[in-house]
PDB file of N, CA and C in Angstrom:
ATOM      1  N   MET A   1       1.489   5.278  -9.004  1.00  0.00           N
ATOM      2  CA  MET A   1       2.431   5.789  -7.892  1.00  0.00           C
ATOM      3  C   MET A   1       3.094   6.701  -8.221  1.00  0.00           C
ATOM      4  N   ALA A   2       2.906   7.915  -7.420  1.00  0.00           N
ATOM      5  CA  ALA A   2       2.976   9.202  -7.215  1.00  0.00           C
ATOM      6  C   ALA A   2       4.359   9.335  -6.916  1.00  0.00           C
ATOM      7  N   ARG A   3       5.473  10.683  -7.192  1.00  0.00           N
ATOM      8  CA  ARG A   3       6.228  10.930  -6.710  1.00  0.00           C
ATOM      9  C   ARG A   3       5.994  12.369  -6.411  1.00  0.00           C
ATOM     10  N   THR A   4       6.817  12.912  -5.575  1.00  0.00           N
ATOM     11  CA  THR A   4       6.747  14.530  -5.235  1.00  0.00           C
ATOM     12  C   THR A   4       7.508  14.968  -5.178  1.00  0.00           C
ATOM     13  N   ALA A   5       7.575  16.643  -5.174  1.00  0.00           N
ATOM     14  CA  ALA A   5       8.984  17.150  -5.487  1.00  0.00           C
ATOM     15  C   ALA A   5       9.986  17.232  -4.065  1.00  0.00           C
ATOM     16  N   PHE A   6       9.253  16.618  -3.124  1.00  0.00           N
ATOM     17  CA  PHE A   6       9.924  16.253  -1.424  1.00  0.00           C
ATOM     18  C   PHE A   6      10.488  14.871  -1.400  1.00  0.00           C
ATOM     19  N   SER A   7       9.971  14.010  -2.588  1.00  0.00           N
ATOM     20  CA  SER A   7      10.342  12.262  -2.251  1.00  0.00           C
ATOM     21  C   SER A   7      11.918  12.428  -2.454  1.00  0.00           C
ATOM     22  N   ASP A   8      12.506  11.299  -1.672  1.00  0.00           N
ATOM     23  CA  ASP A   8      13.930  10.819  -1.301  1.00  0.00           C
ATOM     24  C   ASP A   8      14.005  10.115  -2.583  1.00  0.00           C
ATOM     25  N   PRO A   9      15.045  10.245  -3.471  1.00  0.00           N
ATOM     26  CA  PRO A   9      15.091   9.177  -4.734  1.00  0.00           C
ATOM     27  C   PRO A   9      15.188   7.807  -4.456  1.00  0.00           C
ATOM     28  N   ASP A  10      15.522   7.661  -3.086  1.00  0.00           N
ATOM     29  CA  ASP A  10      15.639   6.307  -2.887  1.00  0.00           C
ATOM     30  C   ASP A  10      14.515   5.709  -2.313  1.00  0.00           C
ATOM     31  N   ASP A  11      13.654   6.464  -2.144  1.00  0.00           N
ATOM     32  CA  ASP A  11      11.900   6.254  -1.602  1.00  0.00           C
ATOM     33  C   ASP A  11      11.396   5.647  -2.842  1.00  0.00           C
ATOM     34  N   PRO A  12      10.734   4.042  -2.498  1.00  0.00           N
ATOM     35  CA  PRO A  12       9.887   3.475  -3.653  1.00  0.00           C
ATOM     36  C   PRO A  12       8.661   4.668  -3.563  1.00  0.00           C
ATOM     37  N   PRO A  13       7.864   4.551  -4.488  1.00  0.00           N
ATOM     38  CA  PRO A  13       6.849   5.453  -4.909  1.00  0.00           C
ATOM     39  C   PRO A  13       5.422   4.667  -3.837  1.00  0.00           C
ATOM     40  N   SER A  14       4.436   5.457  -3.684  1.00  0.00           N
ATOM     41  CA  SER A  14       3.475   5.185  -3.324  1.00  0.00           C
ATOM     42  C   SER A  14       2.606   4.352  -4.043  1.00  0.00           C
ATOM     43  N   PRO A  15       2.228   3.274  -3.524  1.00  0.00           N
ATOM     44  CA  PRO A  15       1.202   2.300  -4.342  1.00  0.00           C
ATOM     45  C   PRO A  15      -0.359   2.815  -4.038  1.00  0.00           C
ATOM     46  N   CYS A  16      -0.531   4.090  -3.781  1.00  0.00           N
ATOM     47  CA  CYS A  16      -1.907   4.475  -3.825  1.00  0.00           C
ATOM     48  C   CYS A  16      -2.281   4.645  -5.302  1.00  0.00           C
ATOM     49  N   ILE A  17      -3.292   4.020  -6.044  1.00  0.00           N
ATOM     50  CA  ILE A  17      -3.734   4.226  -7.159  1.00  0.00           C
ATOM     51  C   ILE A  17      -5.377   5.133  -7.050  1.00  0.00           C
ATOM     52  N   LYS A  18      -5.356   5.817  -5.994  1.00  0.00           N
ATOM     53  CA  LYS A  18      -6.175   6.797  -5.843  1.00  0.00           C
ATOM     54  C   LYS A  18      -7.734   6.155  -5.684  1.00  0.00           C
ATOM     55  N   VAL A  19      -8.032   5.027  -5.516  1.00  0.00           N
ATOM     56  CA  VAL A  19      -9.278   4.511  -5.148  1.00  0.00           C
ATOM     57  C   VAL A  19      -9.238   4.007  -3.736  1.00  0.00           C
ATOM     58  N   CYS A  20      -9.557   4.507  -3.031  1.00  0.00           N
ATOM     59  CA  CYS A  20      -9.549   4.517  -1.479  1.00  0.00           C
ATOM     60  C   CYS A  20     -10.961   4.248  -0.823  1.00  0.00           C
ATOM     61  N   LYS A  21     -10.877   2.964  -0.352  1.00  0.00           N
ATOM     62  CA  LYS A  21     -11.993   2.793   0.129  1.00  0.00           C
ATOM     63  C   LYS A  21     -11.741   1.159   1.008  1.00  0.00           C
ATOM     64  N   LEU A  22     -12.088   1.554   2.321  1.00  0.00           N
ATOM     65  CA  LEU A  22     -11.914   0.243   3.070  1.00  0.00           C
ATOM     66  C   LEU A  22     -12.941  -0.835   2.821  1.00  0.00           C
ATOM     67  N   ASP A  23     -12.153  -2.269   2.835  1.00  0.00           N
ATOM     68  CA  ASP A  23     -13.069  -3.210   3.310  1.00  0.00           C
ATOM     69  C   ASP A  23     -13.516  -3.381   4.275  1.00  0.00           C
ATOM     70  N   PRO A  24     -14.826  -3.483   4.636  1.00  0.00           N
ATOM     71  CA  PRO A  24     -15.148  -3.788   5.642  1.00  0.00           C
ATOM     72  C   PRO A  24     -14.728  -5.128   6.776  1.00  0.00           C
ATOM     73  N   VAL A  25     -14.469  -6.132   5.992  1.00  0.00           N
ATOM     74  CA  VAL A  25     -13.878  -7.386   6.154  1.00  0.00           C
ATOM     75  C   VAL A  25     -12.461  -7.578   6.434  1.00  0.00           C
ATOM     76  N   THR A  26     -11.613  -6.906   5.403  1.00  0.00           N
ATOM     77  CA  THR A  26     -10.166  -7.420   6.050  1.00  0.00           C
ATOM     78  C   THR A  26      -9.635  -5.713   6.466  1.00  0.00           C
ATOM     79  N   ARG A  27     -10.487  -4.677   6.457  1.00  0.00           N
ATOM     80  CA  ARG A  27      -9.931  -3.399   6.614  1.00  0.00           C
ATOM     81  C   ARG A  27      -8.246  -2.955   6.009  1.00  0.00           C
ATOM     82  N   LEU A  28      -8.480  -3.203   4.812  1.00  0.00           N
ATOM     83  CA  LEU A  28      -7.530  -2.764   3.701  1.00  0.00           C
ATOM     84  C   LEU A  28      -7.988  -1.824   2.844  1.00  0.00           C
ATOM     85  N   CYS A  29      -7.079  -1.243   2.168  1.00  0.00           N
ATOM     86  CA  CYS A  29      -7.796  -0.113   1.248  1.00  0.00           C
ATOM     87  C   CYS A  29      -7.929  -1.364   0.086  1.00  0.00           C
ATOM     88  N   THR A  30      -9.162  -1.225  -0.558  1.00  0.00           N
ATOM     89  CA  THR A  30      -9.436  -1.779  -1.702  1.00  0.00           C
ATOM     90  C   THR A  30      -8.566  -1.556  -3.240  1.00  0.00           C
ATOM     91  N   GLY A  31      -7.888  -0.320  -3.141  1.00  0.00           N
ATOM     92  CA  GLY A  31      -7.165   0.322  -4.155  1.00  0.00           C
ATOM     93  C   GLY A  31      -5.835  -0.295  -4.172  1.00  0.00           C
ATOM     94  N   CYS A  32      -5.191   0.126  -2.807  1.00  0.00           N
ATOM     95  CA  CYS A  32      -3.690  -0.015  -2.599  1.00  0.00           C
ATOM     96  C   CYS A  32      -3.691  -1.324  -1.791  1.00  0.00           C
ATOM     97  N   LEU A  33      -4.529  -1.744  -1.056  1.00  0.00           N
ATOM     98  CA  LEU A  33      -4.190  -2.835  -0.206  1.00  0.00           C
ATOM     99  C   LEU A  33      -3.826  -2.663   1.121  1.00  0.00           C
ATOM    100  N   ARG A  34      -3.397  -1.523   1.291  1.00  0.00           N
ATOM    101  CA  ARG A  34      -2.597  -1.392   2.828  1.00  0.00           C
ATOM    102  C   ARG A  34      -3.673  -1.156   3.652  1.00  0.00           C
ATOM    103  N   SER A  35      -3.376  -1.374   4.732  1.00  0.00           N
ATOM    104  CA  SER A  35      -3.970  -0.826   5.913  1.00  0.00           C
ATOM    105  C   SER A  35      -3.713   0.215   6.460  1.00  0.00           C
ATOM    106  N   THR A  36      -4.871   0.677   7.363  1.00  0.00           N
ATOM    107  CA  THR A  36      -4.798   2.299   7.313  1.00  0.00           C
ATOM    108  C   THR A  36      -3.797   2.131   8.542  1.00  0.00           C
ATOM    109  N   ASP A  37      -3.303   1.374   8.863  1.00  0.00           N
ATOM    110  CA  ASP A  37      -1.872   2.021   9.794  1.00  0.00           C
ATOM    111  C   ASP A  37      -0.940   2.129   8.740  1.00  0.00           C
ATOM    112  N   GLU A  38      -0.727   1.248   7.784  1.00  0.00           N
ATOM    113  CA  GLU A  38       0.612   1.282   6.570  1.00  0.00           C
ATOM    114  C   GLU A  38       0.230   2.926   6.197  1.00  0.00           C
ATOM    115  N   ILE A  39      -1.078   3.108   5.409  1.00  0.00           N
ATOM    116  CA  ILE A  39      -1.147   4.454   5.019  1.00  0.00           C
ATOM    117  C   ILE A  39      -1.140   5.849   5.920  1.00  0.00           C
ATOM    118  N   GLY A  40      -1.286   5.198   6.778  1.00  0.00           N
ATOM    119  CA  GLY A  40      -1.084   6.843   7.957  1.00  0.00           C
ATOM    120  C   GLY A  40       0.496   7.184   7.915  1.00  0.00           C
ATOM    121  N   ALA A  41       1.488   5.567   8.264  1.00  0.00           N
ATOM    122  CA  ALA A  41       2.942   5.807   8.953  1.00  0.00           C
ATOM    123  C   ALA A  41       3.526   5.874   7.291  1.00  0.00           C
ATOM    124  N   TRP A  42       2.980   6.009   6.180  1.00  0.00           N
ATOM    125  CA  TRP A  42       3.957   5.706   5.086  1.00  0.00           C
ATOM    126  C   TRP A  42       4.795   7.492   4.620  1.00  0.00           C
ATOM    127  N   LEU A  43       4.140   8.341   5.383  1.00  0.00           N
ATOM    128  CA  LEU A  43       5.042   9.550   5.063  1.00  0.00           C
ATOM    129  C   LEU A  43       6.546   9.514   5.855  1.00  0.00           C
ATOM    130  N   PHE A  44       6.333   8.622   7.188  1.00  0.00           N
ATOM    131  CA  PHE A  44       7.448   8.375   7.794  1.00  0.00           C
ATOM    132  C   PHE A  44       7.949   7.318   8.250  1.00  0.00           C
ATOM    133  N   MET A  45       7.760   6.529   7.409  1.00  0.00           N
ATOM    134  CA  MET A  45       8.530   4.637   7.114  1.00  0.00           C
ATOM    135  C   MET A  45       9.585   5.410   6.433  1.00  0.00           C
ATOM    136  N   SER A  46      10.813   4.735   6.860  1.00  0.00           N
ATOM    137  CA  SER A  46      12.233   4.365   5.544  1.00  0.00           C
ATOM    138  C   SER A  46      11.683   3.924   4.498  1.00  0.00           C
ATOM    139  N   PRO A  47      12.956   3.957   3.328  1.00  0.00           N
ATOM    140  CA  PRO A  47      12.697   3.265   2.199  1.00  0.00           C
ATOM    141  C   PRO A  47      12.287   1.742   2.717  1.00  0.00           C
ATOM    142  N   ASP A  48      13.411   1.499   3.345  1.00  0.00           N
ATOM    143  CA  ASP A  48      13.089  -0.097   3.492  1.00  0.00           C
ATOM    144  C   ASP A  48      11.860  -0.660   3.992  1.00  0.00           C
ATOM    145  N   GLU A  49      11.407  -0.021   4.919  1.00  0.00           N
ATOM    146  CA  GLU A  49      10.148  -0.135   5.501  1.00  0.00           C
ATOM    147  C   GLU A  49       8.800  -0.441   4.193  1.00  0.00           C
ATOM    148  N   LYS A  50       9.109   0.843   3.552  1.00  0.00           N
ATOM    149  CA  LYS A  50       8.139   0.786   2.382  1.00  0.00           C
ATOM    150  C   LYS A  50       8.387  -0.430   1.332  1.00  0.00           C
ATOM    151  N   ARG A  51       9.365  -0.718   1.198  1.00  0.00           N
ATOM    152  CA  ARG A  51       9.862  -1.622   0.288  1.00  0.00           C
ATOM    153  C   ARG A  51       9.273  -2.840   1.024  1.00  0.00           C
ATOM    154  N   ASP A  52       9.381  -3.014   2.387  1.00  0.00           N
ATOM    155  CA  ASP A  52       8.515  -3.947   2.882  1.00  0.00           C
ATOM    156  C   ASP A  52       6.937  -4.239   2.847  1.00  0.00           C
ATOM    157  N   VAL A  53       6.637  -2.999   2.683  1.00  0.00           N
ATOM    158  CA  VAL A  53       4.989  -3.128   2.919  1.00  0.00           C
ATOM    159  C   VAL A  53       4.741  -3.494   1.312  1.00  0.00           C
ATOM    160  N   ILE A  54       5.258  -3.003  -0.097  1.00  0.00           N
ATOM    161  CA  ILE A  54       5.187  -2.936  -1.162  1.00  0.00           C
ATOM    162  C   ILE A  54       5.340  -4.461  -0.931  1.00  0.00           C
ATOM    163  N   ALA A  55       6.299  -5.550  -0.539  1.00  0.00           N
ATOM    164  CA  ALA A  55       6.314  -6.860  -1.089  1.00  0.00           C
ATOM    165  C   ALA A  55       5.221  -7.582  -0.749  1.00  0.00           C
ATOM    166  N   GLN A  56       4.562  -7.204   0.687  1.00  0.00           N
ATOM    167  CA  GLN A  56       3.756  -7.462   1.328  1.00  0.00           C
ATOM    168  C   GLN A  56       1.968  -7.561   0.486  1.00  0.00           C
ATOM    169  N   LEU A  57       1.986  -6.480  -0.799  1.00  0.00           N
ATOM    170  CA  LEU A  57       1.024  -6.132  -1.368  1.00  0.00           C
ATOM    171  C   LEU A  57       0.656  -7.418  -2.162  1.00  0.00           C
ATOM    172  N   ALA A  58       1.796  -8.341  -3.132  1.00  0.00           N
ATOM    173  CA  ALA A  58       1.639  -9.087  -4.076  1.00  0.00           C
ATOM    174  C   ALA A  58       0.661 -10.082  -3.227  1.00  0.00           C
ATOM    175  N   GLY A  59       1.359 -10.535  -1.978  1.00  0.00           N
ATOM    176  CA  GLY A  59       0.294 -12.299  -1.215  1.00  0.00           C
ATOM    177  C   GLY A  59      -0.902 -11.268  -1.239  1.00  0.00           C
ATOM    178  N   ARG A  60      -1.131 -10.027  -1.066  1.00  0.00           N
ATOM    179  CA  ARG A  60      -2.652  -9.598  -0.543  1.00  0.00           C
ATOM    180  C   ARG A  60      -3.619  -9.668  -1.868  1.00  0.00           C
ATOM    181  N   ARG A  61      -2.758  -9.034  -3.018  1.00  0.00           N
ATOM    182  CA  ARG A  61      -3.626  -9.421  -4.158  1.00  0.00           C
ATOM    183  C   ARG A  61      -4.190 -10.806  -4.457  1.00  0.00           C
ATOM    184  N   ALA A  62      -3.038 -11.591  -4.615  1.00  0.00           N
ATOM    185  CA  ALA A  62      -3.376 -13.370  -4.525  1.00  0.00           C
ATOM    186  C   ALA A  62      -4.345 -13.563  -3.768  1.00  0.00           C
ATOM    187  N   GLY A  63      -4.356 -13.463  -2.229  1.00  0.00           N
ATOM    188  CA  GLY A  63      -4.878 -13.746  -1.274  1.00  0.00           C
ATOM    189  C   GLY A  63      -6.296 -13.011  -1.620  1.00  0.00           C
ATOM    190  N   ARG A  64      -6.611 -11.746  -1.945  1.00  0.00           N
ATOM    191  CA  ARG A  64      -7.981 -11.542  -2.612  1.00  0.00           C
ATOM    192  C   ARG A  64      -8.590 -11.884  -3.634  1.00  0.00           C
ATOM    193  N   ARG A  65      -7.641 -12.797  -4.543  1.00  0.00           N
ATOM    194  CA  ARG A  65      -8.494 -13.296  -5.813  1.00  0.00           C
ATOM    195  C   ARG A  65      -8.571 -14.581  -5.279  1.00  0.00           C
ATOM    196  N   GLY A  66      -7.889 -15.305  -4.393  1.00  0.00           N
ATOM    197  CA  GLY A  66      -8.531 -16.432  -4.123  1.00  0.00           C
ATOM    198  C   GLY A  66      -9.795 -16.420  -3.573  1.00  0.00           C
ATOM    199  N   ARG A  67     -10.134 -15.330  -2.794  1.00  0.00           N
ATOM    200  CA  ARG A  67     -11.330 -15.357  -2.174  1.00  0.00           C
ATOM    201  C   ARG A  67     -12.639 -15.346  -3.199  1.00  0.00           C
ATOM    202  N   ARG A  68     -12.380 -14.992  -4.309  1.00  0.00           N
ATOM    203  CA  ARG A  68     -13.321 -14.335  -5.419  1.00  0.00           C
ATOM    204  C   ARG A  68     -13.918 -15.755  -5.843  1.00  0.00           C
ATOM    205  N   GLY A  69     -15.333 -15.866  -6.102  1.00  0.00           N
ATOM    206  CA  GLY A  69     -15.817 -16.631  -7.224  1.00  0.00           C
ATOM    207  C   GLY A  69     -16.186 -18.151  -6.341  1.00  0.00           C
TER     208      GLY A  69
END
């Protein structure tokens, strides 16, 4: 999770792991599991909005594991 010199100290770090590929079914990034809208809006989101997105990622990971196998 990257931080930059311009980051607000209250800002959660980006969940991007530099594995950027969209799943054709879910339309989520296979690396960070964010939607294209979430990725595009990330820089403009408030810290609380970013925390809300991050909180949703655990459920998306669990859902992805449940569909495998």
